[in-house]
């Protein structure tokens, strides 16, 4: 399926919005005080980290592990939390993002 640049940009923005909301809600559950702007930055930084890892390391487990490690560093830095709290936030974000990614495409119906 060929995507136009506009379609890819729209999909990226939808993903960024969904990721921002998920990160915001999860970090609030963990008692963090930062606002939606920090969640947006975390989502954007995560997208860049994963894009770079997959670009340089290809699709696969190594790229996912390297990107995940660097995203934990970013989360820890953006939210001023330790490794364990960043890992807890990341795990819950990943689970919710998986569920949303599984459910969201079925909401609009077959294309």
C-alpha atoms as a PDB file:
ATOM      1  CA  UNK A   1       0.000   0.000   0.000  1.00  0.00           C
ATOM      2  CA  UNK A   2       1.540   3.277  -1.083  1.00  0.00           C
ATOM      3  CA  UNK A   3       1.055   6.225   1.236  1.00  0.00           C
ATOM      4  CA  UNK A   4       1.342   9.803   0.237  1.00  0.00           C
ATOM      5  CA  UNK A   5       3.370  12.161   2.382  1.00  0.00           C
ATOM      6  CA  UNK A   6       0.135  13.772   3.603  1.00  0.00           C
ATOM      7  CA  UNK A   7      -1.267  10.403   4.694  1.00  0.00           C
ATOM      8  CA  UNK A   8       1.959   9.520   6.490  1.00  0.00           C
ATOM      9  CA  UNK A   9       1.960  12.896   8.242  1.00  0.00           C
ATOM     10  CA  UNK A  10      -1.660  12.471   9.354  1.00  0.00           C
ATOM     11  CA  UNK A  11      -0.912   8.990  10.716  1.00  0.00           C
ATOM     12  CA  UNK A  12       2.166  10.315  12.515  1.00  0.00           C
ATOM     13  CA  UNK A  13       0.166  13.147  14.099  1.00  0.00           C
ATOM     14  CA  UNK A  14      -2.598  10.786  15.219  1.00  0.00           C
ATOM     15  CA  UNK A  15       0.016   8.480  16.751  1.00  0.00           C
ATOM     16  CA  UNK A  16       1.722  11.421  18.436  1.00  0.00           C
ATOM     17  CA  UNK A  17      -1.566  12.662  19.922  1.00  0.00           C
ATOM     18  CA  UNK A  18      -2.527   9.202  21.174  1.00  0.00           C
ATOM     19  CA  UNK A  19       0.961   8.628  22.619  1.00  0.00           C
ATOM     20  CA  UNK A  20       0.912  12.021  24.324  1.00  0.00           C
ATOM     21  CA  UNK A  21      -2.431  11.311  25.983  1.00  0.00           C
ATOM     22  CA  UNK A  22      -1.329   7.846  27.120  1.00  0.00           C
ATOM     23  CA  UNK A  23       1.970   9.148  28.538  1.00  0.00           C
ATOM     24  CA  UNK A  24       0.179  12.044  30.266  1.00  0.00           C
ATOM     25  CA  UNK A  25      -2.406   9.777  31.925  1.00  0.00           C
ATOM     26  CA  UNK A  26       0.148   7.149  32.994  1.00  0.00           C
ATOM     27  CA  UNK A  27       2.556   9.689  34.465  1.00  0.00           C
ATOM     28  CA  UNK A  28      -0.342  11.296  36.371  1.00  0.00           C
ATOM     29  CA  UNK A  29      -1.175   7.846  37.785  1.00  0.00           C
ATOM     30  CA  UNK A  30       2.446   7.668  38.956  1.00  0.00           C
ATOM     31  CA  UNK A  31       2.054  11.033  40.713  1.00  0.00           C
ATOM     32  CA  UNK A  32       4.071  13.181  38.341  1.00  0.00           C
ATOM     33  CA  UNK A  33       3.267  16.903  38.262  1.00  0.00           C
ATOM     34  CA  UNK A  34       4.471  17.740  34.746  1.00  0.00           C
ATOM     35  CA  UNK A  35       1.863  18.844  32.238  1.00  0.00           C
ATOM     36  CA  UNK A  36       0.775  17.785  28.800  1.00  0.00           C
ATOM     37  CA  UNK A  37       3.736  19.606  27.226  1.00  0.00           C
ATOM     38  CA  UNK A  38       6.190  17.213  28.873  1.00  0.00           C
ATOM     39  CA  UNK A  39       4.099  14.267  27.712  1.00  0.00           C
ATOM     40  CA  UNK A  40       4.134  15.647  24.155  1.00  0.00           C
ATOM     41  CA  UNK A  41       7.904  16.071  24.326  1.00  0.00           C
ATOM     42  CA  UNK A  42       8.292  12.524  25.679  1.00  0.00           C
ATOM     43  CA  UNK A  43       6.148  11.159  22.842  1.00  0.00           C
ATOM     44  CA  UNK A  44       8.082  13.137  20.239  1.00  0.00           C
ATOM     45  CA  UNK A  45      11.473  12.163  21.656  1.00  0.00           C
ATOM     46  CA  UNK A  46      10.340   8.531  21.787  1.00  0.00           C
ATOM     47  CA  UNK A  47       9.255   8.637  18.151  1.00  0.00           C
ATOM     48  CA  UNK A  48      12.612  10.079  17.099  1.00  0.00           C
ATOM     49  CA  UNK A  49      14.554   7.559  19.190  1.00  0.00           C
ATOM     50  CA  UNK A  50      12.640   4.611  17.748  1.00  0.00           C
ATOM     51  CA  UNK A  51      12.879   5.954  14.187  1.00  0.00           C
ATOM     52  CA  UNK A  52      16.653   6.366  14.487  1.00  0.00           C
ATOM     53  CA  UNK A  53      17.122   2.947  16.078  1.00  0.00           C
ATOM     54  CA  UNK A  54      15.117   1.218  13.359  1.00  0.00           C
ATOM     55  CA  UNK A  55      16.842   3.236  10.638  1.00  0.00           C
ATOM     56  CA  UNK A  56      20.347   2.359  11.833  1.00  0.00           C
ATOM     57  CA  UNK A  57      19.747  -1.133  13.251  1.00  0.00           C
ATOM     58  CA  UNK A  58      16.907  -2.370  11.041  1.00  0.00           C
ATOM     59  CA  UNK A  59      13.700  -3.991  12.203  1.00  0.00           C
ATOM     60  CA  UNK A  60      14.215  -6.444  14.994  1.00  0.00           C
ATOM     61  CA  UNK A  61      14.777  -7.117  18.639  1.00  0.00           C
ATOM     62  CA  UNK A  62      18.127  -5.312  18.871  1.00  0.00           C
ATOM     63  CA  UNK A  63      16.659  -2.054  17.546  1.00  0.00           C
ATOM     64  CA  UNK A  64      13.689  -2.345  19.911  1.00  0.00           C
ATOM     65  CA  UNK A  65      15.934  -2.985  22.926  1.00  0.00           C
ATOM     66  CA  UNK A  66      18.325  -0.149  22.092  1.00  0.00           C
ATOM     67  CA  UNK A  67      15.462   2.263  21.449  1.00  0.00           C
ATOM     68  CA  UNK A  68      13.686   1.150  24.624  1.00  0.00           C
ATOM     69  CA  UNK A  69      16.843   1.768  26.670  1.00  0.00           C
ATOM     70  CA  UNK A  70      17.295   5.262  25.282  1.00  0.00           C
ATOM     71  CA  UNK A  71      13.607   6.049  25.735  1.00  0.00           C
ATOM     72  CA  UNK A  72      13.944   5.045  29.407  1.00  0.00           C
ATOM     73  CA  UNK A  73      16.818   7.514  29.685  1.00  0.00           C
ATOM     74  CA  UNK A  74      14.661  10.202  28.077  1.00  0.00           C
ATOM     75  CA  UNK A  75      11.681   9.487  30.347  1.00  0.00           C
ATOM     76  CA  UNK A  76      13.896   9.532  33.409  1.00  0.00           C
ATOM     77  CA  UNK A  77      15.371  12.840  32.352  1.00  0.00           C
ATOM     78  CA  UNK A  78      12.124  14.537  31.287  1.00  0.00           C
ATOM     79  CA  UNK A  79      10.275  13.505  34.434  1.00  0.00           C
ATOM     80  CA  UNK A  80      13.255  13.529  36.846  1.00  0.00           C
ATOM     81  CA  UNK A  81      12.581   9.971  37.962  1.00  0.00           C
ATOM     82  CA  UNK A  82      14.816   6.977  38.576  1.00  0.00           C
ATOM     83  CA  UNK A  83      15.237   3.858  36.479  1.00  0.00           C
ATOM     84  CA  UNK A  84      12.544   1.818  38.213  1.00  0.00           C
ATOM     85  CA  UNK A  85       9.863   4.477  37.979  1.00  0.00           C
ATOM     86  CA  UNK A  86      10.764   5.183  34.341  1.00  0.00           C
ATOM     87  CA  UNK A  87      10.555   1.445  33.646  1.00  0.00           C
ATOM     88  CA  UNK A  88       7.167   1.216  35.359  1.00  0.00           C
ATOM     89  CA  UNK A  89       5.838   4.145  33.352  1.00  0.00           C
ATOM     90  CA  UNK A  90       7.272   2.723  30.119  1.00  0.00           C
ATOM     91  CA  UNK A  91       5.783  -0.730  30.644  1.00  0.00           C
ATOM     92  CA  UNK A  92       2.303   0.633  31.299  1.00  0.00           C
ATOM     93  CA  UNK A  93       2.604   3.061  28.359  1.00  0.00           C
ATOM     94  CA  UNK A  94       3.688   0.202  26.063  1.00  0.00           C
ATOM     95  CA  UNK A  95       0.812  -2.031  27.195  1.00  0.00           C
ATOM     96  CA  UNK A  96      -1.786   0.717  26.736  1.00  0.00           C
ATOM     97  CA  UNK A  97      -0.269   1.758  23.400  1.00  0.00           C
ATOM     98  CA  UNK A  98      -0.443  -1.874  22.241  1.00  0.00           C
ATOM     99  CA  UNK A  99      -4.101  -2.102  23.238  1.00  0.00           C
ATOM    100  CA  UNK A 100      -4.942   1.222  21.605  1.00  0.00           C
ATOM    101  CA  UNK A 101      -3.061   0.199  18.458  1.00  0.00           C
ATOM    102  CA  UNK A 102      -4.979  -3.055  18.401  1.00  0.00           C
ATOM    103  CA  UNK A 103      -8.390  -1.418  18.931  1.00  0.00           C
ATOM    104  CA  UNK A 104      -8.015   1.880  17.032  1.00  0.00           C
ATOM    105  CA  UNK A 105      -7.731   0.466  13.489  1.00  0.00           C
ATOM    106  CA  UNK A 106     -10.947  -1.485  13.997  1.00  0.00           C
ATOM    107  CA  UNK A 107     -12.894   1.592  15.123  1.00  0.00           C
ATOM    108  CA  UNK A 108     -12.977   3.135  11.642  1.00  0.00           C
ATOM    109  CA  UNK A 109     -13.953  -0.140  10.019  1.00  0.00           C
ATOM    110  CA  UNK A 110     -12.484  -1.662   6.880  1.00  0.00           C
ATOM    111  CA  UNK A 111     -10.923   0.825   4.525  1.00  0.00           C
END
